[in-house]
């Protein structure tokens, strides 16, 4: 499902216009992104939690030359599904 299809589904389920559904989805993405940038966790009970994880510096290999390289540490966004979501998918 892409963004346009998601907006259509939200509009249908919530009985709102597609424009309003698109704005709501964009607002949700913005709020979650801003929260993760500041190091906060966003928890939606039953659905899941968005958080930021730290990935340590590590050694890797350049696939073209086989040369050893250092991959720098990074912060990566993470999502952990909640029990209700896991049960719904299973």
Protein backbone atom coordinates (compact mmCIF):
# COMPACT_ATOMS: atom_id res chain seq x y z
CA UNK A 1 0.00 0.00 0.00
CA UNK A 2 1.43 3.37 -0.97
CA UNK A 3 0.71 6.79 0.54
CA UNK A 4 -2.18 7.60 -1.82
CA UNK A 5 -3.87 4.28 -1.07
CA UNK A 6 -3.35 4.83 2.66
CA UNK A 7 -4.92 8.30 2.43
CA UNK A 8 -7.90 6.78 0.57
CA UNK A 9 -8.35 4.14 3.29
CA UNK A 10 -8.07 6.69 6.12
CA UNK A 11 -10.61 8.95 4.41
CA UNK A 12 -13.00 6.04 3.95
CA UNK A 13 -12.72 4.63 7.48
CA UNK A 14 -12.81 8.03 9.23
CA UNK A 15 -15.51 9.40 6.88
CA UNK A 16 -13.47 12.52 6.07
CA UNK A 17 -12.25 14.05 2.82
CA UNK A 18 -9.09 12.79 1.15
CA UNK A 19 -7.55 16.24 1.61
CA UNK A 20 -8.15 16.13 5.37
CA UNK A 21 -6.88 12.55 5.55
CA UNK A 22 -3.72 13.57 3.66
CA UNK A 23 -3.14 16.48 6.04
CA UNK A 24 -3.66 14.21 9.06
CA UNK A 25 -1.19 11.64 7.72
CA UNK A 26 1.39 14.32 6.91
CA UNK A 27 0.94 15.80 10.40
CA UNK A 28 1.43 12.36 11.99
CA UNK A 29 4.64 11.75 10.04
CA UNK A 30 5.94 15.22 10.94
CA UNK A 31 5.17 14.83 14.64
CA UNK A 32 6.78 11.37 14.84
CA UNK A 33 9.85 12.57 12.90
CA UNK A 34 10.28 15.63 15.13
CA UNK A 35 9.91 13.51 18.27
CA UNK A 36 12.54 11.02 17.07
CA UNK A 37 14.92 13.88 16.15
CA UNK A 38 14.82 15.04 19.77
CA UNK A 39 15.38 11.52 21.10
CA UNK A 40 11.80 10.91 22.27
CA UNK A 41 9.89 7.66 21.84
CA UNK A 42 6.38 7.63 20.38
CA UNK A 43 4.23 4.85 21.85
CA UNK A 44 0.79 3.93 20.52
CA UNK A 45 -0.60 1.36 22.94
CA UNK A 46 -1.51 -1.83 21.12
CA UNK A 47 -0.01 -0.63 17.83
CA UNK A 48 3.67 -0.17 18.61
CA UNK A 49 6.52 2.17 19.46
CA UNK A 50 8.75 4.35 17.32
CA UNK A 51 12.21 5.00 18.78
CA UNK A 52 15.81 5.77 17.84
CA UNK A 53 18.52 3.15 18.26
CA UNK A 54 22.26 3.71 18.28
CA UNK A 55 24.32 1.61 15.90
CA UNK A 56 27.96 1.30 16.99
CA UNK A 57 30.93 1.89 14.73
CA UNK A 58 31.96 -1.33 13.04
CA UNK A 59 34.29 -2.81 10.46
CA UNK A 60 33.08 -3.69 6.99
CA UNK A 61 34.47 -4.49 3.56
CA UNK A 62 34.30 -2.57 0.31
CA UNK A 63 32.54 -5.10 -1.97
CA UNK A 64 34.43 -3.90 -5.07
CA UNK A 65 37.97 -3.97 -3.72
CA UNK A 66 37.67 -6.18 -0.64
CA UNK A 67 39.41 -3.43 1.35
CA UNK A 68 38.54 -3.16 5.05
CA UNK A 69 36.63 0.02 5.91
CA UNK A 70 35.24 1.55 9.07
CA UNK A 71 31.48 2.16 9.06
CA UNK A 72 30.76 5.08 11.37
CA UNK A 73 28.30 4.97 14.25
CA UNK A 74 24.75 6.06 13.40
CA UNK A 75 21.35 6.66 14.90
CA UNK A 76 18.59 4.72 13.15
CA UNK A 77 14.80 4.90 13.49
CA UNK A 78 13.17 1.75 14.80
CA UNK A 79 9.62 0.43 15.13
CA UNK A 80 8.58 -2.30 17.54
CA UNK A 81 5.11 -3.73 16.95
CA UNK A 82 2.73 -3.96 19.89
CA UNK A 83 0.89 -7.10 20.98
CA UNK A 84 -2.45 -6.16 19.38
CA UNK A 85 -0.77 -5.54 16.02
CA UNK A 86 1.26 -8.75 16.25
CA UNK A 87 -1.86 -10.75 17.09
CA UNK A 88 -3.83 -9.15 14.24
CA UNK A 89 -1.18 -10.09 11.69
CA UNK A 90 -0.65 -13.62 12.98
